[in-house]
Full PDB file with SEQRES, HELIX, SHEET, SSBOND, CRYST1, ORIGX, SCALE, CONECT and MASTER records, all heavy atoms in Angstrom:
SEQRES   1 A   36  SER LEU ASP GLU TYR PHE ALA ALA TYR GLU ALA ALA GLY          
SEQRES   2 A   36  GLY VAL LYS VAL ASP ARG ALA ARG PHE ARG PHE TRP LEU          
SEQRES   3 A   36  LEU TYR ARG THR LEU TRP TRP ALA LEU GLY                      
HELIX    1 AA1 LEU A    2  ALA A   11  1                                  10    
HELIX    2 AA2 ARG A   19  LEU A   35  1                                  17    
CRYST1    1.000    1.000    1.000  90.00  90.00  90.00 P 1           1          
ORIGX1      1.000000  0.000000  0.000000        0.00000                         
ORIGX2      0.000000  1.000000  0.000000        0.00000                         
ORIGX3      0.000000  0.000000  1.000000        0.00000                         
SCALE1      1.000000  0.000000  0.000000        0.00000                         
SCALE2      0.000000  1.000000  0.000000        0.00000                         
SCALE3      0.000000  0.000000  1.000000        0.00000                         
ATOM      1  N   SER A   1      56.214 -33.527   9.969  1.00  0.00           N  
ATOM      2  CA  SER A   1      57.087 -32.654  10.804  1.00  0.00           C  
ATOM      3  C   SER A   1      58.256 -33.426  11.317  1.00  0.00           C  
ATOM      4  O   SER A   1      58.306 -34.659  11.416  1.00  0.00           O  
ATOM      5  CB  SER A   1      56.350 -32.051  11.951  1.00  0.00           C  
ATOM      6  OG  SER A   1      56.074 -33.018  12.923  1.00  0.00           O  
ATOM      7  N   LEU A   2      59.370 -32.673  11.646  1.00  0.00           N  
ATOM      8  CA  LEU A   2      60.509 -33.304  12.246  1.00  0.00           C  
ATOM      9  C   LEU A   2      60.183 -33.881  13.594  1.00  0.00           C  
ATOM     10  O   LEU A   2      60.680 -34.974  13.967  1.00  0.00           O  
ATOM     11  CB  LEU A   2      61.660 -32.245  12.389  1.00  0.00           C  
ATOM     12  CG  LEU A   2      62.303 -31.759  11.106  1.00  0.00           C  
ATOM     13  CD1 LEU A   2      63.400 -30.758  11.411  1.00  0.00           C  
ATOM     14  CD2 LEU A   2      62.880 -32.901  10.252  1.00  0.00           C  
ATOM     15  N   ASP A   3      59.307 -33.193  14.366  1.00  0.00           N  
ATOM     16  CA  ASP A   3      58.973 -33.718  15.728  1.00  0.00           C  
ATOM     17  C   ASP A   3      58.317 -35.070  15.578  1.00  0.00           C  
ATOM     18  O   ASP A   3      58.630 -36.008  16.350  1.00  0.00           O  
ATOM     19  CB  ASP A   3      58.018 -32.763  16.385  1.00  0.00           C  
ATOM     20  CG  ASP A   3      58.679 -31.490  16.884  1.00  0.00           C  
ATOM     21  OD1 ASP A   3      59.964 -31.543  16.985  1.00  0.00           O  
ATOM     22  OD2 ASP A   3      58.049 -30.494  17.140  1.00  0.00           O  
ATOM     23  N   GLU A   4      57.407 -35.264  14.629  1.00  0.00           N  
ATOM     24  CA  GLU A   4      56.734 -36.545  14.429  1.00  0.00           C  
ATOM     25  C   GLU A   4      57.747 -37.601  14.005  1.00  0.00           C  
ATOM     26  O   GLU A   4      57.716 -38.766  14.453  1.00  0.00           O  
ATOM     27  CB  GLU A   4      55.659 -36.457  13.359  1.00  0.00           C  
ATOM     28  CG  GLU A   4      54.461 -35.549  13.693  1.00  0.00           C  
ATOM     29  CD  GLU A   4      53.524 -35.387  12.523  1.00  0.00           C  
ATOM     30  OE1 GLU A   4      53.889 -34.660  11.606  1.00  0.00           O  
ATOM     31  OE2 GLU A   4      52.450 -36.028  12.548  1.00  0.00           O  
ATOM     32  N   TYR A   5      58.602 -37.200  13.105  1.00  0.00           N  
ATOM     33  CA  TYR A   5      59.607 -38.199  12.599  1.00  0.00           C  
ATOM     34  C   TYR A   5      60.537 -38.635  13.687  1.00  0.00           C  
ATOM     35  O   TYR A   5      60.799 -39.861  13.858  1.00  0.00           O  
ATOM     36  CB  TYR A   5      60.326 -37.513  11.436  1.00  0.00           C  
ATOM     37  CG  TYR A   5      61.499 -38.285  10.826  1.00  0.00           C  
ATOM     38  CD1 TYR A   5      61.366 -39.634  10.506  1.00  0.00           C  
ATOM     39  CD2 TYR A   5      62.638 -37.656  10.495  1.00  0.00           C  
ATOM     40  CE1 TYR A   5      62.435 -40.329   9.964  1.00  0.00           C  
ATOM     41  CE2 TYR A   5      63.714 -38.314   9.928  1.00  0.00           C  
ATOM     42  CZ  TYR A   5      63.580 -39.652   9.655  1.00  0.00           C  
ATOM     43  OH  TYR A   5      64.666 -40.353   9.105  1.00  0.00           O  
ATOM     44  N   PHE A   6      61.083 -37.667  14.422  1.00  0.00           N  
ATOM     45  CA  PHE A   6      61.990 -38.010  15.471  1.00  0.00           C  
ATOM     46  C   PHE A   6      61.328 -38.851  16.545  1.00  0.00           C  
ATOM     47  O   PHE A   6      61.926 -39.816  17.085  1.00  0.00           O  
ATOM     48  CB  PHE A   6      62.578 -36.774  16.145  1.00  0.00           C  
ATOM     49  CG  PHE A   6      63.481 -35.915  15.206  1.00  0.00           C  
ATOM     50  CD1 PHE A   6      63.772 -34.596  15.537  1.00  0.00           C  
ATOM     51  CD2 PHE A   6      63.987 -36.459  14.040  1.00  0.00           C  
ATOM     52  CE1 PHE A   6      64.537 -33.852  14.662  1.00  0.00           C  
ATOM     53  CE2 PHE A   6      64.786 -35.744  13.184  1.00  0.00           C  
ATOM     54  CZ  PHE A   6      65.064 -34.385  13.482  1.00  0.00           C  
ATOM     55  N   ALA A   7      60.096 -38.550  16.871  1.00  0.00           N  
ATOM     56  CA  ALA A   7      59.367 -39.307  17.902  1.00  0.00           C  
ATOM     57  C   ALA A   7      59.170 -40.754  17.452  1.00  0.00           C  
ATOM     58  O   ALA A   7      59.347 -41.707  18.208  1.00  0.00           O  
ATOM     59  CB  ALA A   7      58.046 -38.626  18.188  1.00  0.00           C  
ATOM     60  N   ALA A   8      58.830 -40.973  16.182  1.00  0.00           N  
ATOM     61  CA  ALA A   8      58.662 -42.321  15.695  1.00  0.00           C  
ATOM     62  C   ALA A   8      59.996 -43.046  15.685  1.00  0.00           C  
ATOM     63  O   ALA A   8      59.961 -44.302  16.030  1.00  0.00           O  
ATOM     64  CB  ALA A   8      58.056 -42.274  14.221  1.00  0.00           C  
ATOM     65  N   TYR A   9      61.034 -42.453  15.333  1.00  0.00           N  
ATOM     66  CA  TYR A   9      62.361 -43.069  15.336  1.00  0.00           C  
ATOM     67  C   TYR A   9      62.775 -43.449  16.723  1.00  0.00           C  
ATOM     68  O   TYR A   9      63.203 -44.606  16.959  1.00  0.00           O  
ATOM     69  CB  TYR A   9      63.393 -42.083  14.704  1.00  0.00           C  
ATOM     70  CG  TYR A   9      64.801 -42.532  14.771  1.00  0.00           C  
ATOM     71  CD1 TYR A   9      65.310 -43.513  13.891  1.00  0.00           C  
ATOM     72  CD2 TYR A   9      65.671 -41.964  15.735  1.00  0.00           C  
ATOM     73  CE1 TYR A   9      66.626 -43.939  14.023  1.00  0.00           C  
ATOM     74  CE2 TYR A   9      66.987 -42.394  15.757  1.00  0.00           C  
ATOM     75  CZ  TYR A   9      67.506 -43.364  14.970  1.00  0.00           C  
ATOM     76  OH  TYR A   9      68.811 -43.738  14.980  1.00  0.00           O  
ATOM     77  N   GLU A  10      62.609 -42.544  17.683  1.00  0.00           N  
ATOM     78  CA  GLU A  10      63.068 -42.822  19.079  1.00  0.00           C  
ATOM     79  C   GLU A  10      62.141 -43.875  19.654  1.00  0.00           C  
ATOM     80  O   GLU A  10      62.597 -44.766  20.462  1.00  0.00           O  
ATOM     81  CB  GLU A  10      62.963 -41.533  19.874  1.00  0.00           C  
ATOM     82  CG  GLU A  10      64.061 -40.508  19.505  1.00  0.00           C  
ATOM     83  CD  GLU A  10      63.921 -39.180  20.241  1.00  0.00           C  
ATOM     84  OE1 GLU A  10      62.949 -39.072  21.034  1.00  0.00           O  
ATOM     85  OE2 GLU A  10      64.738 -38.272  20.005  1.00  0.00           O  
ATOM     86  N   ALA A  11      60.811 -43.880  19.395  1.00  0.00           N  
ATOM     87  CA  ALA A  11      59.897 -44.873  19.942  1.00  0.00           C  
ATOM     88  C   ALA A  11      60.249 -46.279  19.437  1.00  0.00           C  
ATOM     89  O   ALA A  11      59.961 -47.246  20.170  1.00  0.00           O  
ATOM     90  CB  ALA A  11      58.429 -44.508  19.570  1.00  0.00           C  
ATOM     91  N   ALA A  12      60.839 -46.382  18.268  1.00  0.00           N  
ATOM     92  CA  ALA A  12      61.177 -47.668  17.736  1.00  0.00           C  
ATOM     93  C   ALA A  12      62.542 -48.179  18.177  1.00  0.00           C  
ATOM     94  O   ALA A  12      63.058 -49.151  17.679  1.00  0.00           O  
ATOM     95  CB  ALA A  12      61.148 -47.652  16.177  1.00  0.00           C  
ATOM     96  N   GLY A  13      63.200 -47.412  19.031  1.00  0.00           N  
ATOM     97  CA  GLY A  13      64.544 -47.808  19.574  1.00  0.00           C  
ATOM     98  C   GLY A  13      65.700 -47.055  19.017  1.00  0.00           C  
ATOM     99  O   GLY A  13      66.838 -47.410  19.323  1.00  0.00           O  
ATOM    100  N   GLY A  14      65.420 -46.019  18.231  1.00  0.00           N  
ATOM    101  CA  GLY A  14      66.529 -45.214  17.702  1.00  0.00           C  
ATOM    102  C   GLY A  14      67.209 -44.352  18.769  1.00  0.00           C  
ATOM    103  O   GLY A  14      66.615 -44.139  19.822  1.00  0.00           O  
ATOM    104  N   VAL A  15      68.354 -43.810  18.469  1.00  0.00           N  
ATOM    105  CA  VAL A  15      69.092 -42.963  19.456  1.00  0.00           C  
ATOM    106  C   VAL A  15      68.289 -41.720  19.673  1.00  0.00           C  
ATOM    107  O   VAL A  15      67.478 -41.261  18.829  1.00  0.00           O  
ATOM    108  CB  VAL A  15      70.528 -42.614  18.921  1.00  0.00           C  
ATOM    109  CG1 VAL A  15      71.285 -43.887  18.701  1.00  0.00           C  
ATOM    110  CG2 VAL A  15      70.464 -41.811  17.633  1.00  0.00           C  
ATOM    111  N   LYS A  16      68.504 -41.104  20.845  1.00  0.00           N  
ATOM    112  CA  LYS A  16      67.925 -39.813  21.138  1.00  0.00           C  
ATOM    113  C   LYS A  16      68.477 -38.771  20.145  1.00  0.00           C  
ATOM    114  O   LYS A  16      69.682 -38.653  19.930  1.00  0.00           O  
ATOM    115  CB  LYS A  16      68.293 -39.387  22.540  1.00  0.00           C  
ATOM    116  CG  LYS A  16      67.792 -37.957  22.969  1.00  0.00           C  
ATOM    117  CD  LYS A  16      66.242 -37.988  23.074  1.00  0.00           C  
ATOM    118  CE  LYS A  16      65.744 -36.589  23.512  1.00  0.00           C  
ATOM    119  NZ  LYS A  16      64.272 -36.527  23.583  1.00  0.00           N  
ATOM    120  N   VAL A  17      67.540 -38.080  19.467  1.00  0.00           N  
ATOM    121  CA  VAL A  17      67.986 -37.198  18.353  1.00  0.00           C  
ATOM    122  C   VAL A  17      68.561 -35.920  18.968  1.00  0.00           C  
ATOM    123  O   VAL A  17      67.977 -35.260  19.857  1.00  0.00           O  
ATOM    124  CB  VAL A  17      66.806 -36.781  17.460  1.00  0.00           C  
ATOM    125  CG1 VAL A  17      67.213 -35.802  16.420  1.00  0.00           C  
ATOM    126  CG2 VAL A  17      66.170 -38.070  16.820  1.00  0.00           C  
ATOM    127  N   ASP A  18      69.780 -35.548  18.483  1.00  0.00           N  
ATOM    128  CA  ASP A  18      70.449 -34.368  18.864  1.00  0.00           C  
ATOM    129  C   ASP A  18      70.262 -33.338  17.762  1.00  0.00           C  
ATOM    130  O   ASP A  18      70.722 -33.486  16.655  1.00  0.00           O  
ATOM    131  CB  ASP A  18      71.930 -34.640  19.113  1.00  0.00           C  
ATOM    132  CG  ASP A  18      72.769 -33.436  19.444  1.00  0.00           C  
ATOM    133  OD1 ASP A  18      72.401 -32.346  19.037  1.00  0.00           O  
ATOM    134  OD2 ASP A  18      73.803 -33.611  20.158  1.00  0.00           O  
ATOM    135  N   ARG A  19      69.509 -32.247  18.035  1.00  0.00           N  
ATOM    136  CA  ARG A  19      69.105 -31.335  16.942  1.00  0.00           C  
ATOM    137  C   ARG A  19      70.385 -30.593  16.326  1.00  0.00           C  
ATOM    138  O   ARG A  19      70.396 -30.384  15.124  1.00  0.00           O  
ATOM    139  CB  ARG A  19      68.183 -30.269  17.480  1.00  0.00           C  
ATOM    140  CG  ARG A  19      66.900 -30.781  17.984  1.00  0.00           C  
ATOM    141  CD  ARG A  19      65.936 -31.180  16.922  1.00  0.00           C  
ATOM    142  NE  ARG A  19      64.648 -31.655  17.403  1.00  0.00           N  
ATOM    143  CZ  ARG A  19      63.485 -31.295  16.933  1.00  0.00           C  
ATOM    144  NH1 ARG A  19      63.404 -30.411  15.914  1.00  0.00           N  
ATOM    145  NH2 ARG A  19      62.314 -31.734  17.400  1.00  0.00           N  
ATOM    146  N   ALA A  20      71.353 -30.363  17.112  1.00  0.00           N  
ATOM    147  CA  ALA A  20      72.583 -29.703  16.602  1.00  0.00           C  
ATOM    148  C   ALA A  20      73.326 -30.657  15.673  1.00  0.00           C  
ATOM    149  O   ALA A  20      73.797 -30.267  14.580  1.00  0.00           O  
ATOM    150  CB  ALA A  20      73.522 -29.230  17.758  1.00  0.00           C  
ATOM    151  N   ARG A  21      73.436 -31.900  16.067  1.00  0.00           N  
ATOM    152  CA  ARG A  21      74.044 -32.926  15.251  1.00  0.00           C  
ATOM    153  C   ARG A  21      73.285 -33.149  13.932  1.00  0.00           C  
ATOM    154  O   ARG A  21      73.833 -33.320  12.885  1.00  0.00           O  
ATOM    155  CB  ARG A  21      74.219 -34.272  16.056  1.00  0.00           C  
ATOM    156  CG  ARG A  21      75.033 -35.278  15.348  1.00  0.00           C  
ATOM    157  CD  ARG A  21      75.240 -36.511  16.301  1.00  0.00           C  
ATOM    158  NE  ARG A  21      76.161 -36.229  17.324  1.00  0.00           N  
ATOM    159  CZ  ARG A  21      77.481 -36.465  17.320  1.00  0.00           C  
ATOM    160  NH1 ARG A  21      77.983 -37.005  16.217  1.00  0.00           N  
ATOM    161  NH2 ARG A  21      78.241 -36.209  18.317  1.00  0.00           N  
ATOM    162  N   PHE A  22      71.953 -33.166  14.084  1.00  0.00           N  
ATOM    163  CA  PHE A  22      71.078 -33.204  12.897  1.00  0.00           C  
ATOM    164  C   PHE A  22      71.356 -32.105  11.943  1.00  0.00           C  
ATOM    165  O   PHE A  22      71.441 -32.319  10.779  1.00  0.00           O  
ATOM    166  CB  PHE A  22      69.595 -33.237  13.307  1.00  0.00           C  
ATOM    167  CG  PHE A  22      68.612 -33.246  12.167  1.00  0.00           C  
ATOM    168  CD1 PHE A  22      68.224 -34.454  11.574  1.00  0.00           C  
ATOM    169  CD2 PHE A  22      68.093 -32.054  11.781  1.00  0.00           C  
ATOM    170  CE1 PHE A  22      67.326 -34.385  10.484  1.00  0.00           C  
ATOM    171  CE2 PHE A  22      67.130 -32.007  10.681  1.00  0.00           C  
ATOM    172  CZ  PHE A  22      66.743 -33.247  10.064  1.00  0.00           C  
ATOM    173  N   ARG A  23      71.442 -30.935  12.410  1.00  0.00           N  
ATOM    174  CA  ARG A  23      71.715 -29.732  11.564  1.00  0.00           C  
ATOM    175  C   ARG A  23      73.031 -29.878  10.869  1.00  0.00           C  
ATOM    176  O   ARG A  23      73.179 -29.515   9.674  1.00  0.00           O  
ATOM    177  CB  ARG A  23      71.671 -28.451  12.400  1.00  0.00           C  
ATOM    178  CG  ARG A  23      72.112 -27.178  11.620  1.00  0.00           C  
ATOM    179  CD  ARG A  23      71.790 -25.900  12.394  1.00  0.00           C  
ATOM    180  NE  ARG A  23      72.503 -24.789  11.845  1.00  0.00           N  
ATOM    181  CZ  ARG A  23      72.185 -24.142  10.683  1.00  0.00           C  
ATOM    182  NH1 ARG A  23      71.133 -24.578   9.981  1.00  0.00           N  
ATOM    183  NH2 ARG A  23      72.886 -23.037  10.324  1.00  0.00           N  
ATOM    184  N   PHE A  24      74.074 -30.366  11.586  1.00  0.00           N  
ATOM    185  CA  PHE A  24      75.333 -30.565  10.915  1.00  0.00           C  
ATOM    186  C   PHE A  24      75.206 -31.452   9.693  1.00  0.00           C  
ATOM    187  O   PHE A  24      75.670 -31.180   8.619  1.00  0.00           O  
ATOM    188  CB  PHE A  24      76.364 -31.142  11.885  1.00  0.00           C  
ATOM    189  CG  PHE A  24      77.681 -31.600  11.222  1.00  0.00           C  
ATOM    190  CD1 PHE A  24      78.665 -30.647  10.946  1.00  0.00           C  
ATOM    191  CD2 PHE A  24      77.835 -32.883  10.760  1.00  0.00           C  
ATOM    192  CE1 PHE A  24      79.809 -31.097  10.284  1.00  0.00           C  
ATOM    193  CE2 PHE A  24      78.957 -33.329  10.051  1.00  0.00           C  
ATOM    194  CZ  PHE A  24      79.958 -32.358   9.837  1.00  0.00           C  
ATOM    195  N   TRP A  25      74.511 -32.569   9.930  1.00  0.00           N  
ATOM    196  CA  TRP A  25      74.432 -33.591   8.849  1.00  0.00           C  
ATOM    197  C   TRP A  25      73.554 -33.100   7.703  1.00  0.00           C  
ATOM    198  O   TRP A  25      73.713 -33.499   6.556  1.00  0.00           O  
ATOM    199  CB  TRP A  25      73.933 -34.919   9.403  1.00  0.00           C  
ATOM    200  CG  TRP A  25      75.070 -35.679  10.084  1.00  0.00           C  
ATOM    201  CD1 TRP A  25      75.219 -35.882  11.413  1.00  0.00           C  
ATOM    202  CD2 TRP A  25      76.180 -36.211   9.404  1.00  0.00           C  
ATOM    203  NE1 TRP A  25      76.350 -36.558  11.669  1.00  0.00           N  
ATOM    204  CE2 TRP A  25      77.024 -36.811  10.489  1.00  0.00           C  
ATOM    205  CE3 TRP A  25      76.647 -36.328   8.117  1.00  0.00           C  
ATOM    206  CZ2 TRP A  25      78.230 -37.431  10.210  1.00  0.00           C  
ATOM    207  CZ3 TRP A  25      77.857 -36.978   7.825  1.00  0.00           C  
ATOM    208  CH2 TRP A  25      78.660 -37.500   8.863  1.00  0.00           C  
ATOM    209  N   LEU A  26      72.518 -32.228   7.990  1.00  0.00           N  
ATOM    210  CA  LEU A  26      71.709 -31.664   6.982  1.00  0.00           C  
ATOM    211  C   LEU A  26      72.585 -30.786   6.063  1.00  0.00           C  
ATOM    212  O   LEU A  26      72.476 -30.887   4.847  1.00  0.00           O  
ATOM    213  CB  LEU A  26      70.543 -30.874   7.608  1.00  0.00           C  
ATOM    214  CG  LEU A  26      69.410 -30.459   6.693  1.00  0.00           C  
ATOM    215  CD1 LEU A  26      68.687 -31.616   6.044  1.00  0.00           C  
ATOM    216  CD2 LEU A  26      68.433 -29.564   7.478  1.00  0.00           C  
ATOM    217  N   LEU A  27      73.429 -30.015   6.704  1.00  0.00           N  
ATOM    218  CA  LEU A  27      74.326 -29.136   5.930  1.00  0.00           C  
ATOM    219  C   LEU A  27      75.377 -29.995   5.142  1.00  0.00           C  
ATOM    220  O   LEU A  27      75.655 -29.757   4.002  1.00  0.00           O  
ATOM    221  CB  LEU A  27      74.968 -28.211   6.814  1.00  0.00           C  
ATOM    222  CG  LEU A  27      74.322 -26.809   6.870  1.00  0.00           C  
ATOM    223  CD1 LEU A  27      74.498 -26.105   8.202  1.00  0.00           C  
ATOM    224  CD2 LEU A  27      74.884 -25.919   5.797  1.00  0.00           C  
ATOM    225  N   TYR A  28      75.947 -31.000   5.874  1.00  0.00           N  
ATOM    226  CA  TYR A  28      77.018 -31.790   5.271  1.00  0.00           C  
ATOM    227  C   TYR A  28      76.504 -32.489   4.044  1.00  0.00           C  
ATOM    228  O   TYR A  28      77.166 -32.499   3.043  1.00  0.00           O  
ATOM    229  CB  TYR A  28      77.539 -32.772   6.321  1.00  0.00           C  
ATOM    230  CG  TYR A  28      78.635 -33.722   5.761  1.00  0.00           C  
ATOM    231  CD1 TYR A  28      79.915 -33.417   5.875  1.00  0.00           C  
ATOM    232  CD2 TYR A  28      78.248 -34.864   5.038  1.00  0.00           C  
ATOM    233  CE1 TYR A  28      80.957 -34.261   5.343  1.00  0.00           C  
ATOM    234  CE2 TYR A  28      79.211 -35.696   4.512  1.00  0.00           C  
ATOM    235  CZ  TYR A  28      80.523 -35.366   4.647  1.00  0.00           C  
ATOM    236  OH  TYR A  28      81.530 -36.249   4.090  1.00  0.00           O  
ATOM    237  N   ARG A  29      75.329 -33.188   4.135  1.00  0.00           N  
ATOM    238  CA  ARG A  29      74.882 -33.960   3.020  1.00  0.00           C  
ATOM    239  C   ARG A  29      74.376 -33.047   1.885  1.00  0.00           C  
ATOM    240  O   ARG A  29      74.445 -33.452   0.701  1.00  0.00           O  
ATOM    241  CB  ARG A  29      73.753 -34.920   3.443  1.00  0.00           C  
ATOM    242  CG  ARG A  29      74.208 -36.112   4.282  1.00  0.00           C  
ATOM    243  CD  ARG A  29      75.347 -36.912   3.672  1.00  0.00           C  
ATOM    244  NE  ARG A  29      75.011 -37.561   2.426  1.00  0.00           N  
ATOM    245  CZ  ARG A  29      74.644 -38.820   2.265  1.00  0.00           C  
ATOM    246  NH1 ARG A  29      74.438 -39.569   3.339  1.00  0.00           N  
ATOM    247  NH2 ARG A  29      74.402 -39.336   1.069  1.00  0.00           N  
ATOM    248  N   THR A  30      73.954 -31.873   2.158  1.00  0.00           N  
ATOM    249  CA  THR A  30      73.623 -30.885   1.116  1.00  0.00           C  
ATOM    250  C   THR A  30      74.858 -30.488   0.418  1.00  0.00           C  
ATOM    251  O   THR A  30      74.943 -30.413  -0.830  1.00  0.00           O  
ATOM    252  CB  THR A  30      72.881 -29.638   1.679  1.00  0.00           C  
ATOM    253  OG1 THR A  30      71.724 -30.057   2.375  1.00  0.00           O  
ATOM    254  CG2 THR A  30      72.502 -28.638   0.602  1.00  0.00           C  
ATOM    255  N   LEU A  31      75.954 -30.237   1.158  1.00  0.00           N  
ATOM    256  CA  LEU A  31      77.238 -29.938   0.558  1.00  0.00           C  
ATOM    257  C   LEU A  31      77.742 -31.189  -0.239  1.00  0.00           C  
ATOM    258  O   LEU A  31      78.239 -31.030  -1.347  1.00  0.00           O  
ATOM    259  CB  LEU A  31      78.252 -29.654   1.727  1.00  0.00           C  
ATOM    260  CG  LEU A  31      79.774 -29.682   1.362  1.00  0.00           C  
ATOM    261  CD1 LEU A  31      80.069 -28.550   0.399  1.00  0.00           C  
ATOM    262  CD2 LEU A  31      80.563 -29.541   2.655  1.00  0.00           C  
ATOM    263  N   TRP A  32      77.586 -32.347   0.321  1.00  0.00           N  
ATOM    264  CA  TRP A  32      78.028 -33.607  -0.353  1.00  0.00           C  
ATOM    265  C   TRP A  32      77.315 -33.779  -1.691  1.00  0.00           C  
ATOM    266  O   TRP A  32      77.946 -34.083  -2.661  1.00  0.00           O  
ATOM    267  CB  TRP A  32      77.675 -34.766   0.593  1.00  0.00           C  
ATOM    268  CG  TRP A  32      77.887 -36.157  -0.007  1.00  0.00           C  
ATOM    269  CD1 TRP A  32      79.028 -36.837   0.022  1.00  0.00           C  
ATOM    270  CD2 TRP A  32      76.890 -36.960  -0.649  1.00  0.00           C  
ATOM    271  NE1 TRP A  32      78.836 -38.091  -0.626  1.00  0.00           N  
ATOM    272  CE2 TRP A  32      77.532 -38.123  -1.019  1.00  0.00           C  
ATOM    273  CE3 TRP A  32      75.568 -36.815  -0.981  1.00  0.00           C  
ATOM    274  CZ2 TRP A  32      76.841 -39.198  -1.691  1.00  0.00           C  
ATOM    275  CZ3 TRP A  32      74.892 -37.800  -1.618  1.00  0.00           C  
ATOM    276  CH2 TRP A  32      75.473 -38.956  -1.945  1.00  0.00           C  
ATOM    277  N   TRP A  33      76.028 -33.445  -1.734  1.00  0.00           N  
ATOM    278  CA  TRP A  33      75.314 -33.561  -3.015  1.00  0.00           C  
ATOM    279  C   TRP A  33      75.716 -32.444  -3.993  1.00  0.00           C  
ATOM    280  O   TRP A  33      75.744 -32.689  -5.163  1.00  0.00           O  
ATOM    281  CB  TRP A  33      73.794 -33.634  -2.765  1.00  0.00           C  
ATOM    282  CG  TRP A  33      72.989 -33.882  -4.025  1.00  0.00           C  
ATOM    283  CD1 TRP A  33      71.855 -33.178  -4.340  1.00  0.00           C  
ATOM    284  CD2 TRP A  33      73.201 -34.802  -5.017  1.00  0.00           C  
ATOM    285  NE1 TRP A  33      71.358 -33.677  -5.535  1.00  0.00           N  
ATOM    286  CE2 TRP A  33      72.144 -34.701  -5.972  1.00  0.00           C  
ATOM    287  CE3 TRP A  33      74.183 -35.811  -5.237  1.00  0.00           C  
ATOM    288  CZ2 TRP A  33      72.083 -35.455  -7.134  1.00  0.00           C  
ATOM    289  CZ3 TRP A  33      74.051 -36.613  -6.396  1.00  0.00           C  
ATOM    290  CH2 TRP A  33      73.019 -36.404  -7.327  1.00  0.00           C  
ATOM    291  N   ALA A  34      75.993 -31.249  -3.470  1.00  0.00           N  
ATOM    292  CA  ALA A  34      76.470 -30.188  -4.362  1.00  0.00           C  
ATOM    293  C   ALA A  34      77.743 -30.604  -5.094  1.00  0.00           C  
ATOM    294  O   ALA A  34      77.903 -30.476  -6.309  1.00  0.00           O  
ATOM    295  CB  ALA A  34      76.712 -28.897  -3.564  1.00  0.00           C  
ATOM    296  N   LEU A  35      78.681 -31.245  -4.371  1.00  0.00           N  
ATOM    297  CA  LEU A  35      79.889 -31.709  -4.971  1.00  0.00           C  
ATOM    298  C   LEU A  35      79.672 -32.961  -5.807  1.00  0.00           C  
ATOM    299  O   LEU A  35      80.314 -33.148  -6.795  1.00  0.00           O  
ATOM    300  CB  LEU A  35      80.907 -32.026  -3.871  1.00  0.00           C  
ATOM    301  CG  LEU A  35      81.509 -30.794  -3.231  1.00  0.00           C  
ATOM    302  CD1 LEU A  35      82.231 -31.070  -1.956  1.00  0.00           C  
ATOM    303  CD2 LEU A  35      82.461 -30.058  -4.212  1.00  0.00           C  
ATOM    304  N   GLY A  36      78.622 -33.756  -5.380  1.00  0.00           N  
ATOM    305  CA  GLY A  36      78.300 -34.937  -6.221  1.00  0.00           C  
ATOM    306  C   GLY A  36      77.803 -34.489  -7.589  1.00  0.00           C  
ATOM    307  O   GLY A  36      78.092 -35.150  -8.630  1.00  0.00           O  
TER     308      GLY A  36                                                      
MASTER        0    0    0    2    0    0    0    6  307    1    0    3          
END                                                                             
C-alpha cells in the first residue's frame, strides 16, 4: 500500500509526503512515458 510505502520512506529520513504533489508526479510521469 501507499501508506506502508510512505511510512517506510519517512521513517528512514525522507521528506514528509505531500499527497497532492505525489498525484501531480504520478500524472506527470505517466504523461512523460506516453510521450517516451
